[in-house]
Amino acid sequence: MTMTNVVVWNMQHQKGAANWDRLLDWEPISGAGLYLLCEAVPVPERIEKAGLLVKMHGSTKETGCRCEGDKCDHRRFSTAVASPAGSEQLPARPEVRSGTWIACRADLGGIPVTAIALYGLGDPAYPSYWRSTAKSVSEIVPILQHEEYGKRVLLGGDFNILAGAPRYGGHDVLATIESYGLVDCLKARSPEERYADPLRHKEMDACQCRKGPDCTHTRTFLKPGAPDIPHQDDYLFASQELADLLESCDALPLDSSSPSDHAPIVAEFNI
């Protein structure tokens, strides 16, 4: 048995080129067995030369995006699966929106898994982020139900659903994901006694859920104009077989000096 990390990260497209290098040299996230990425810009050639193999959806001219023209804004919001072992993109694709999700078959410590990176894209066709995410989740349901591909699933990304907010439609989307047998890794394996940590204590007390020491949310997003509200809108879900191998899961500390406005989620699996 060996420890293998899975990292979920919104790379923030404005900083994406530099953040590709952080996958190689930023110690908290480098050396992972699998990366599920959002807002990824085109991959610099040096990244794959260094041995990190990437599959992307949305960074090049894609058929099917309703914008279609060369100025399509959706293309900057790319999803990606990266792995030192490489991966094979599944034939399934988003129906109309480039960059909303990508699904690949990948190897995680010798175990074949279905890796899905999903982004809650802001889209004029949908009145709210969570409805956009609900559409993407509906598109991946056939994968989750597939006899082979649905056995071992890792689904992660910036869903743009605020976990700690008062109950709203986004929480129903999270419940839908869980209804397919997927486990919320941050909830399942967040550090014990985290309320004793001064930073987490402050964030849990400030969470919109108002549950203090009983808060189950983890800050992953630094919202401009509201830095004191510890939002979570990034997630990692795992099928039960993989969740049984999960040793730990947490998000890195996040502040204005961080390389993205989203914190990477780092999950450690004992495989």
C-alpha atoms as a PDB file:
ATOM      1  CA  MET A   1       0.000   0.000   0.000  1.00  0.00           C
ATOM      2  CA  THR A   2       1.306   3.452  -0.899  1.00  0.00           C
ATOM      3  CA  MET A   3      -0.024   6.961  -0.407  1.00  0.00           C
ATOM      4  CA  THR A   4      -1.219   8.681  -3.576  1.00  0.00           C
ATOM      5  CA  ASN A   5      -2.508  12.238  -3.721  1.00  0.00           C
ATOM      6  CA  VAL A   6      -5.362  13.654  -5.767  1.00  0.00           C
ATOM      7  CA  VAL A   7      -5.483  17.441  -6.183  1.00  0.00           C
ATOM      8  CA  VAL A   8      -8.498  19.538  -7.185  1.00  0.00           C
ATOM      9  CA  TRP A   9      -7.739  23.133  -8.144  1.00  0.00           C
ATOM     10  CA  ASN A  10      -9.255  26.104  -9.909  1.00  0.00           C
ATOM     11  CA  MET A  11      -6.052  27.572 -11.345  1.00  0.00           C
ATOM     12  CA  GLN A  12      -7.595  31.040 -11.982  1.00  0.00           C
ATOM     13  CA  HIS A  13      -7.249  31.583 -15.700  1.00  0.00           C
ATOM     14  CA  GLN A  14      -5.535  34.969 -15.338  1.00  0.00           C
ATOM     15  CA  LYS A  15      -2.656  33.194 -13.547  1.00  0.00           C
ATOM     16  CA  GLY A  16      -2.951  29.846 -15.260  1.00  0.00           C
ATOM     17  CA  ALA A  17       0.353  29.836 -17.158  1.00  0.00           C
ATOM     18  CA  ALA A  18       2.390  30.286 -13.972  1.00  0.00           C
ATOM     19  CA  ASN A  19       0.188  27.890 -12.047  1.00  0.00           C
ATOM     20  CA  TRP A  20       0.987  25.039 -14.424  1.00  0.00           C
ATOM     21  CA  ASP A  21       4.544  25.238 -13.098  1.00  0.00           C
ATOM     22  CA  ARG A  22       3.251  25.031  -9.534  1.00  0.00           C
ATOM     23  CA  LEU A  23       1.962  21.544 -10.271  1.00  0.00           C
ATOM     24  CA  LEU A  24       5.613  20.596 -10.673  1.00  0.00           C
ATOM     25  CA  ASP A  25       7.380  22.640  -7.997  1.00  0.00           C
ATOM     26  CA  TRP A  26       4.903  23.781  -5.318  1.00  0.00           C
ATOM     27  CA  GLU A  27       5.488  21.212  -2.591  1.00  0.00           C
ATOM     28  CA  PRO A  28       1.931  20.974  -1.195  1.00  0.00           C
ATOM     29  CA  ILE A  29       0.561  19.839  -4.566  1.00  0.00           C
ATOM     30  CA  SER A  30       3.515  18.608  -6.634  1.00  0.00           C
ATOM     31  CA  GLY A  31       3.963  14.905  -7.243  1.00  0.00           C
ATOM     32  CA  ALA A  32       0.258  14.030  -7.097  1.00  0.00           C
ATOM     33  CA  GLY A  33      -1.019  10.976  -8.915  1.00  0.00           C
ATOM     34  CA  LEU A  34      -3.957  12.870 -10.397  1.00  0.00           C
ATOM     35  CA  TYR A  35      -5.066  16.477 -10.888  1.00  0.00           C
ATOM     36  CA  LEU A  36      -8.622  17.666 -11.586  1.00  0.00           C
ATOM     37  CA  LEU A  37      -8.323  21.248 -12.820  1.00  0.00           C
ATOM     38  CA  CYS A  38     -10.586  24.165 -13.683  1.00  0.00           C
ATOM     39  CA  GLU A  39      -9.896  27.457 -15.466  1.00  0.00           C
ATOM     40  CA  ALA A  40      -6.806  25.907 -17.008  1.00  0.00           C
ATOM     41  CA  VAL A  41      -5.162  27.784 -19.864  1.00  0.00           C
ATOM     42  CA  PRO A  42      -3.362  25.938 -22.690  1.00  0.00           C
ATOM     43  CA  VAL A  43      -0.619  23.685 -21.387  1.00  0.00           C
ATOM     44  CA  PRO A  44       2.938  24.997 -21.794  1.00  0.00           C
ATOM     45  CA  GLU A  45       5.090  22.510 -23.674  1.00  0.00           C
ATOM     46  CA  ARG A  46       7.501  22.298 -20.751  1.00  0.00           C
ATOM     47  CA  ILE A  47       4.825  20.715 -18.532  1.00  0.00           C
ATOM     48  CA  GLU A  48       4.401  17.583 -20.607  1.00  0.00           C
ATOM     49  CA  LYS A  49       8.142  17.440 -21.236  1.00  0.00           C
ATOM     50  CA  ALA A  50       8.503  17.267 -17.457  1.00  0.00           C
ATOM     51  CA  GLY A  51       6.291  14.188 -17.419  1.00  0.00           C
ATOM     52  CA  LEU A  52       2.847  15.520 -16.504  1.00  0.00           C
ATOM     53  CA  LEU A  53       0.418  14.403 -19.202  1.00  0.00           C
ATOM     54  CA  VAL A  54      -2.721  16.484 -19.673  1.00  0.00           C
ATOM     55  CA  LYS A  55      -6.110  16.069 -21.314  1.00  0.00           C
ATOM     56  CA  MET A  56      -8.142  19.281 -21.688  1.00  0.00           C
ATOM     57  CA  HIS A  57     -11.546  20.398 -22.847  1.00  0.00           C
ATOM     58  CA  GLY A  58     -12.184  23.998 -23.771  1.00  0.00           C
ATOM     59  CA  SER A  59      -8.787  25.542 -24.461  1.00  0.00           C
ATOM     60  CA  THR A  60      -8.933  25.211 -28.229  1.00  0.00           C
ATOM     61  CA  LYS A  61     -11.614  25.786 -30.844  1.00  0.00           C
ATOM     62  CA  GLU A  62     -14.340  23.379 -29.829  1.00  0.00           C
ATOM     63  CA  THR A  63     -17.370  22.439 -31.841  1.00  0.00           C
ATOM     64  CA  GLY A  64     -20.665  22.741 -30.071  1.00  0.00           C
ATOM     65  CA  CYS A  65     -20.132  25.915 -28.024  1.00  0.00           C
ATOM     66  CA  ARG A  66     -23.048  28.265 -28.697  1.00  0.00           C
ATOM     67  CA  CYS A  67     -20.652  31.217 -29.067  1.00  0.00           C
ATOM     68  CA  GLU A  68     -18.712  29.496 -31.864  1.00  0.00           C
ATOM     69  CA  GLY A  69     -16.840  32.627 -32.943  1.00  0.00           C
ATOM     70  CA  ASP A  70     -13.163  33.341 -32.385  1.00  0.00           C
ATOM     71  CA  LYS A  71     -13.995  35.600 -29.405  1.00  0.00           C
ATOM     72  CA  CYS A  72     -15.877  32.858 -27.529  1.00  0.00           C
ATOM     73  CA  ASP A  73     -15.355  33.684 -23.850  1.00  0.00           C
ATOM     74  CA  HIS A  74     -16.054  30.127 -22.735  1.00  0.00           C
ATOM     75  CA  ARG A  75     -12.729  28.873 -24.067  1.00  0.00           C
ATOM     76  CA  ARG A  76     -10.784  30.436 -21.226  1.00  0.00           C
ATOM     77  CA  PHE A  77     -12.710  28.246 -18.791  1.00  0.00           C
ATOM     78  CA  SER A  78     -11.083  24.918 -19.554  1.00  0.00           C
ATOM     79  CA  THR A  79     -11.299  21.765 -17.509  1.00  0.00           C
ATOM     80  CA  ALA A  80      -8.367  19.359 -17.441  1.00  0.00           C
ATOM     81  CA  VAL A  81      -7.251  16.006 -16.084  1.00  0.00           C
ATOM     82  CA  ALA A  82      -3.500  15.677 -15.553  1.00  0.00           C
ATOM     83  CA  SER A  83      -1.506  12.667 -14.470  1.00  0.00           C
ATOM     84  CA  PRO A  84       2.085  11.408 -14.665  1.00  0.00           C
ATOM     85  CA  ALA A  85       0.647   8.102 -15.910  1.00  0.00           C
ATOM     86  CA  GLY A  86      -1.463   9.773 -18.596  1.00  0.00           C
ATOM     87  CA  SER A  87      -5.164   9.283 -19.241  1.00  0.00           C
ATOM     88  CA  GLU A  88      -7.618   8.519 -22.005  1.00  0.00           C
ATOM     89  CA  GLN A  89     -10.482  10.923 -22.585  1.00  0.00           C
ATOM     90  CA  LEU A  90     -13.890   9.263 -22.706  1.00  0.00           C
ATOM     91  CA  PRO A  91     -16.036   9.827 -25.788  1.00  0.00           C
ATOM     92  CA  ALA A  92     -18.676  11.680 -23.738  1.00  0.00           C
ATOM     93  CA  ARG A  93     -18.497  15.464 -24.096  1.00  0.00           C
ATOM     94  CA  PRO A  94     -20.466  18.469 -22.815  1.00  0.00           C
ATOM     95  CA  GLU A  95     -23.516  18.986 -25.005  1.00  0.00           C
ATOM     96  CA  VAL A  96     -23.141  22.660 -25.865  1.00  0.00           C
ATOM     97  CA  ARG A  97     -20.655  24.408 -23.587  1.00  0.00           C
ATOM     98  CA  SER A  98     -16.950  24.158 -24.094  1.00  0.00           C
ATOM     99  CA  GLY A  99     -14.911  23.672 -20.940  1.00  0.00           C
ATOM    100  CA  THR A 100     -17.637  22.731 -18.472  1.00  0.00           C
ATOM    101  CA  TRP A 101     -16.358  19.197 -17.796  1.00  0.00           C
ATOM    102  CA  ILE A 102     -14.018  16.489 -18.999  1.00  0.00           C
ATOM    103  CA  ALA A 103     -14.059  12.779 -18.193  1.00  0.00           C
ATOM    104  CA  CYS A 104     -11.042  10.497 -18.564  1.00  0.00           C
ATOM    105  CA  ARG A 105      -9.923   7.016 -17.667  1.00  0.00           C
ATOM    106  CA  ALA A 106      -6.790   7.292 -15.568  1.00  0.00           C
ATOM    107  CA  ASP A 107      -4.520   5.214 -13.371  1.00  0.00           C
ATOM    108  CA  LEU A 108      -4.347   5.993  -9.660  1.00  0.00           C
ATOM    109  CA  GLY A 109      -1.685   3.941  -7.929  1.00  0.00           C
ATOM    110  CA  GLY A 110      -2.380   1.007 -10.225  1.00  0.00           C
ATOM    111  CA  ILE A 111      -6.170   1.272  -9.940  1.00  0.00           C
ATOM    112  CA  PRO A 112      -8.174   2.298 -13.038  1.00  0.00           C
ATOM    113  CA  VAL A 113     -10.474   5.209 -12.197  1.00  0.00           C
ATOM    114  CA  THR A 114     -12.830   7.527 -14.007  1.00  0.00           C
ATOM    115  CA  ALA A 115     -11.601  11.066 -13.375  1.00  0.00           C
ATOM    116  CA  ILE A 116     -14.047  13.916 -13.989  1.00  0.00           C
ATOM    117  CA  ALA A 117     -13.132  17.589 -13.666  1.00  0.00           C
ATOM    118  CA  LEU A 118     -16.255  19.768 -13.599  1.00  0.00           C
ATOM    119  CA  TYR A 119     -16.561  23.559 -13.608  1.00  0.00           C
ATOM    120  CA  GLY A 120     -19.684  25.562 -12.699  1.00  0.00           C
ATOM    121  CA  LEU A 121     -19.470  27.866 -15.681  1.00  0.00           C
ATOM    122  CA  GLY A 122     -21.223  31.218 -15.630  1.00  0.00           C
ATOM    123  CA  ASP A 123     -23.431  31.036 -18.703  1.00  0.00           C
ATOM    124  CA  PRO A 124     -26.041  33.531 -19.962  1.00  0.00           C
ATOM    125  CA  ALA A 125     -28.305  30.594 -20.806  1.00  0.00           C
ATOM    126  CA  TYR A 126     -28.698  29.831 -17.088  1.00  0.00           C
ATOM    127  CA  PRO A 127     -29.904  32.350 -14.482  1.00  0.00           C
ATOM    128  CA  SER A 128     -27.520  31.118 -11.779  1.00  0.00           C
ATOM    129  CA  TYR A 129     -24.281  29.196 -11.410  1.00  0.00           C
ATOM    130  CA  TRP A 130     -25.905  26.249  -9.674  1.00  0.00           C
ATOM    131  CA  ARG A 131     -28.320  25.694 -12.564  1.00  0.00           C
ATOM    132  CA  SER A 132     -25.343  25.613 -14.918  1.00  0.00           C
ATOM    133  CA  THR A 133     -23.683  23.016 -12.681  1.00  0.00           C
ATOM    134  CA  ALA A 134     -26.931  21.039 -12.522  1.00  0.00           C
ATOM    135  CA  LYS A 135     -26.908  20.858 -16.321  1.00  0.00           C
ATOM    136  CA  SER A 136     -23.341  19.526 -16.336  1.00  0.00           C
ATOM    137  CA  VAL A 137     -24.153  16.969 -13.637  1.00  0.00           C
ATOM    138  CA  SER A 138     -27.090  15.753 -15.724  1.00  0.00           C
ATOM    139  CA  GLU A 139     -24.687  15.238 -18.625  1.00  0.00           C
ATOM    140  CA  ILE A 140     -22.316  13.033 -16.618  1.00  0.00           C
ATOM    141  CA  VAL A 141     -25.059  10.816 -15.155  1.00  0.00           C
ATOM    142  CA  PRO A 142     -24.620   8.175 -17.924  1.00  0.00           C
ATOM    143  CA  ILE A 143     -20.956   7.903 -16.866  1.00  0.00           C
ATOM    144  CA  LEU A 144     -21.891   7.529 -13.200  1.00  0.00           C
ATOM    145  CA  GLN A 145     -24.381   4.803 -14.139  1.00  0.00           C
ATOM    146  CA  HIS A 146     -22.038   2.987 -16.541  1.00  0.00           C
ATOM    147  CA  GLU A 147     -21.266  -0.587 -15.537  1.00  0.00           C
ATOM    148  CA  GLU A 148     -17.502  -0.118 -15.873  1.00  0.00           C
ATOM    149  CA  TYR A 149     -16.827   3.629 -15.816  1.00  0.00           C
ATOM    150  CA  GLY A 150     -19.090   4.178 -12.812  1.00  0.00           C
ATOM    151  CA  LYS A 151     -17.283   1.704 -10.531  1.00  0.00           C
ATOM    152  CA  ARG A 152     -14.470   3.956  -9.335  1.00  0.00           C
ATOM    153  CA  VAL A 153     -15.152   7.643  -9.871  1.00  0.00           C
ATOM    154  CA  LEU A 154     -13.359  10.777  -8.753  1.00  0.00           C
ATOM    155  CA  LEU A 155     -15.406  13.903  -9.463  1.00  0.00           C
ATOM    156  CA  GLY A 156     -13.945  17.256  -8.513  1.00  0.00           C
ATOM    157  CA  GLY A 157     -13.772  20.896  -9.384  1.00  0.00           C
ATOM    158  CA  ASP A 158     -15.087  24.370  -8.748  1.00  0.00           C
ATOM    159  CA  PHE A 159     -18.839  23.769  -8.852  1.00  0.00           C
ATOM    160  CA  ASN A 160     -19.649  27.392  -7.964  1.00  0.00           C
ATOM    161  CA  ILE A 161     -22.062  26.082  -5.319  1.00  0.00           C
ATOM    162  CA  LEU A 162     -21.633  27.721  -1.919  1.00  0.00           C
ATOM    163  CA  ALA A 163     -21.663  24.918   0.633  1.00  0.00           C
ATOM    164  CA  GLY A 164     -22.173  27.079   3.713  1.00  0.00           C
ATOM    165  CA  ALA A 165     -24.867  29.373   2.323  1.00  0.00           C
ATOM    166  CA  PRO A 166     -28.491  29.134   3.496  1.00  0.00           C
ATOM    167  CA  ARG A 167     -30.274  26.256   1.795  1.00  0.00           C
ATOM    168  CA  TYR A 168     -30.802  26.847  -1.943  1.00  0.00           C
ATOM    169  CA  GLY A 169     -30.871  24.917  -5.209  1.00  0.00           C
ATOM    170  CA  GLY A 170     -27.138  24.333  -5.248  1.00  0.00           C
ATOM    171  CA  HIS A 171     -27.436  22.041  -2.254  1.00  0.00           C
ATOM    172  CA  ASP A 172     -29.900  19.905  -4.207  1.00  0.00           C
ATOM    173  CA  VAL A 173     -27.243  19.474  -6.893  1.00  0.00           C
ATOM    174  CA  LEU A 174     -24.778  18.227  -4.270  1.00  0.00           C
ATOM    175  CA  ALA A 175     -27.438  15.837  -2.973  1.00  0.00           C
ATOM    176  CA  THR A 176     -27.963  14.549  -6.515  1.00  0.00           C
ATOM    177  CA  ILE A 177     -24.262  13.751  -6.786  1.00  0.00           C
ATOM    178  CA  GLU A 178     -24.370  11.884  -3.480  1.00  0.00           C
ATOM    179  CA  SER A 179     -27.434   9.935  -4.647  1.00  0.00           C
ATOM    180  CA  TYR A 180     -25.158   8.121  -7.102  1.00  0.00           C
ATOM    181  CA  GLY A 181     -23.120   6.745  -4.206  1.00  0.00           C
ATOM    182  CA  LEU A 182     -20.381   9.379  -4.252  1.00  0.00           C
ATOM    183  CA  VAL A 183     -18.830  10.551  -0.979  1.00  0.00           C
ATOM    184  CA  ASP A 184     -17.895  14.168  -0.218  1.00  0.00           C
ATOM    185  CA  CYS A 185     -14.196  13.743   0.622  1.00  0.00           C
ATOM    186  CA  LEU A 186     -13.763  17.033   2.484  1.00  0.00           C
ATOM    187  CA  LYS A 187     -16.611  16.129   4.820  1.00  0.00           C
ATOM    188  CA  ALA A 188     -15.548  12.511   5.186  1.00  0.00           C
ATOM    189  CA  ARG A 189     -11.888  13.065   6.048  1.00  0.00           C
ATOM    190  CA  SER A 190     -11.341  16.628   7.160  1.00  0.00           C
ATOM    191  CA  PRO A 191      -8.735  16.882   9.955  1.00  0.00           C
ATOM    192  CA  GLU A 192      -9.922  15.866  13.399  1.00  0.00           C
ATOM    193  CA  GLU A 193     -10.051  18.596  16.030  1.00  0.00           C
ATOM    194  CA  ARG A 194      -9.725  21.246  13.331  1.00  0.00           C
ATOM    195  CA  TYR A 195     -11.676  23.678  15.517  1.00  0.00           C
ATOM    196  CA  ALA A 196      -8.581  23.764  17.734  1.00  0.00           C
ATOM    197  CA  ASP A 197      -6.567  25.207  14.845  1.00  0.00           C
ATOM    198  CA  PRO A 198      -6.698  29.031  15.118  1.00  0.00           C
ATOM    199  CA  LEU A 199      -7.196  29.586  11.371  1.00  0.00           C
ATOM    200  CA  ARG A 200      -9.872  26.920  10.957  1.00  0.00           C
ATOM    201  CA  HIS A 201     -11.529  28.060  14.185  1.00  0.00           C
ATOM    202  CA  LYS A 202     -11.898  31.566  12.780  1.00  0.00           C
ATOM    203  CA  GLU A 203     -13.209  30.299   9.439  1.00  0.00           C
ATOM    204  CA  MET A 204     -15.703  27.888  11.003  1.00  0.00           C
ATOM    205  CA  ASP A 205     -17.064  30.629  13.247  1.00  0.00           C
ATOM    206  CA  ALA A 206     -17.419  32.966  10.246  1.00  0.00           C
ATOM    207  CA  CYS A 207     -19.068  30.393   7.960  1.00  0.00           C
ATOM    208  CA  GLN A 208     -22.555  31.289   6.764  1.00  0.00           C
ATOM    209  CA  CYS A 209     -23.879  28.020   8.204  1.00  0.00           C
ATOM    210  CA  ARG A 210     -23.454  29.557  11.689  1.00  0.00           C
ATOM    211  CA  LYS A 211     -22.657  26.166  13.237  1.00  0.00           C
ATOM    212  CA  GLY A 212     -19.285  27.104  14.723  1.00  0.00           C
ATOM    213  CA  PRO A 213     -17.517  23.944  15.979  1.00  0.00           C
ATOM    214  CA  ASP A 214     -20.059  21.778  14.135  1.00  0.00           C
ATOM    215  CA  CYS A 215     -19.381  23.425  10.761  1.00  0.00           C
ATOM    216  CA  THR A 216     -18.537  20.807   8.111  1.00  0.00           C
ATOM    217  CA  HIS A 217     -17.392  23.256   5.430  1.00  0.00           C
ATOM    218  CA  THR A 218     -13.863  24.174   4.361  1.00  0.00           C
ATOM    219  CA  ARG A 219     -12.803  27.459   2.846  1.00  0.00           C
ATOM    220  CA  THR A 220     -11.735  27.064  -0.786  1.00  0.00           C
ATOM    221  CA  PHE A 221     -12.592  30.454  -2.323  1.00  0.00           C
ATOM    222  CA  LEU A 222     -11.498  34.013  -1.586  1.00  0.00           C
ATOM    223  CA  LYS A 223     -14.337  36.139  -2.903  1.00  0.00           C
ATOM    224  CA  PRO A 224     -13.352  39.641  -4.042  1.00  0.00           C
ATOM    225  CA  GLY A 225     -14.988  42.231  -1.847  1.00  0.00           C
ATOM    226  CA  ALA A 226     -15.834  39.719   0.883  1.00  0.00           C
ATOM    227  CA  PRO A 227     -12.521  38.275   2.108  1.00  0.00           C
ATOM    228  CA  ASP A 228     -13.850  37.654   5.623  1.00  0.00           C
ATOM    229  CA  ILE A 229     -16.524  35.190   4.490  1.00  0.00           C
ATOM    230  CA  PRO A 230     -14.953  31.707   4.154  1.00  0.00           C
ATOM    231  CA  HIS A 231     -16.747  30.353   1.101  1.00  0.00           C
ATOM    232  CA  GLN A 232     -16.483  26.768  -0.091  1.00  0.00           C
ATOM    233  CA  ASP A 233     -17.412  26.125  -3.695  1.00  0.00           C
ATOM    234  CA  ASP A 234     -14.791  23.495  -4.628  1.00  0.00           C
ATOM    235  CA  TYR A 235     -15.367  19.778  -4.044  1.00  0.00           C
ATOM    236  CA  LEU A 236     -13.991  16.287  -4.440  1.00  0.00           C
ATOM    237  CA  PHE A 237     -16.375  13.337  -4.531  1.00  0.00           C
ATOM    238  CA  ALA A 238     -15.303   9.691  -4.658  1.00  0.00           C
ATOM    239  CA  SER A 239     -17.176   6.455  -5.200  1.00  0.00           C
ATOM    240  CA  GLN A 240     -17.423   4.315  -2.075  1.00  0.00           C
ATOM    241  CA  GLU A 241     -14.619   1.917  -3.030  1.00  0.00           C
ATOM    242  CA  LEU A 242     -12.194   4.822  -3.358  1.00  0.00           C
ATOM    243  CA  ALA A 243     -13.615   6.654  -0.340  1.00  0.00           C
ATOM    244  CA  ASP A 244     -12.760   3.571   1.741  1.00  0.00           C
ATOM    245  CA  LEU A 245      -9.112   4.162   0.775  1.00  0.00           C
ATOM    246  CA  LEU A 246      -9.177   7.867   1.671  1.00  0.00           C
ATOM    247  CA  GLU A 247      -6.778   8.745   4.492  1.00  0.00           C
ATOM    248  CA  SER A 248      -7.126  12.529   4.575  1.00  0.00           C
ATOM    249  CA  CYS A 249      -8.596  15.448   2.670  1.00  0.00           C
ATOM    250  CA  ASP A 250      -8.190  19.160   3.239  1.00  0.00           C
ATOM    251  CA  ALA A 251      -7.864  22.458   1.404  1.00  0.00           C
ATOM    252  CA  LEU A 252      -4.690  24.501   1.650  1.00  0.00           C
ATOM    253  CA  PRO A 253      -4.850  27.785   3.579  1.00  0.00           C
ATOM    254  CA  LEU A 254      -6.043  30.654   1.412  1.00  0.00           C
ATOM    255  CA  ASP A 255      -5.330  34.385   1.532  1.00  0.00           C
ATOM    256  CA  SER A 256      -4.591  37.315  -0.774  1.00  0.00           C
ATOM    257  CA  SER A 257      -1.025  36.072  -1.345  1.00  0.00           C
ATOM    258  CA  SER A 258      -2.163  32.676  -2.651  1.00  0.00           C
ATOM    259  CA  PRO A 259      -1.428  31.871  -6.310  1.00  0.00           C
ATOM    260  CA  SER A 260      -5.149  31.543  -7.108  1.00  0.00           C
ATOM    261  CA  ASP A 261      -8.384  32.816  -5.600  1.00  0.00           C
ATOM    262  CA  HIS A 262      -9.190  29.144  -4.977  1.00  0.00           C
ATOM    263  CA  ALA A 263      -7.348  26.809  -2.634  1.00  0.00           C
ATOM    264  CA  PRO A 264      -6.238  23.407  -3.895  1.00  0.00           C
ATOM    265  CA  ILE A 265      -7.982  20.444  -2.292  1.00  0.00           C
ATOM    266  CA  VAL A 266      -5.460  17.696  -1.494  1.00  0.00           C
ATOM    267  CA  ALA A 267      -6.756  14.188  -0.830  1.00  0.00           C
ATOM    268  CA  GLU A 268      -4.480  11.337   0.241  1.00  0.00           C
ATOM    269  CA  PHE A 269      -5.443   7.787  -0.728  1.00  0.00           C
ATOM    270  CA  ASN A 270      -3.852   4.648   0.683  1.00  0.00           C
ATOM    271  CA  ILE A 271      -3.658   2.419  -2.394  1.00  0.00           C
END
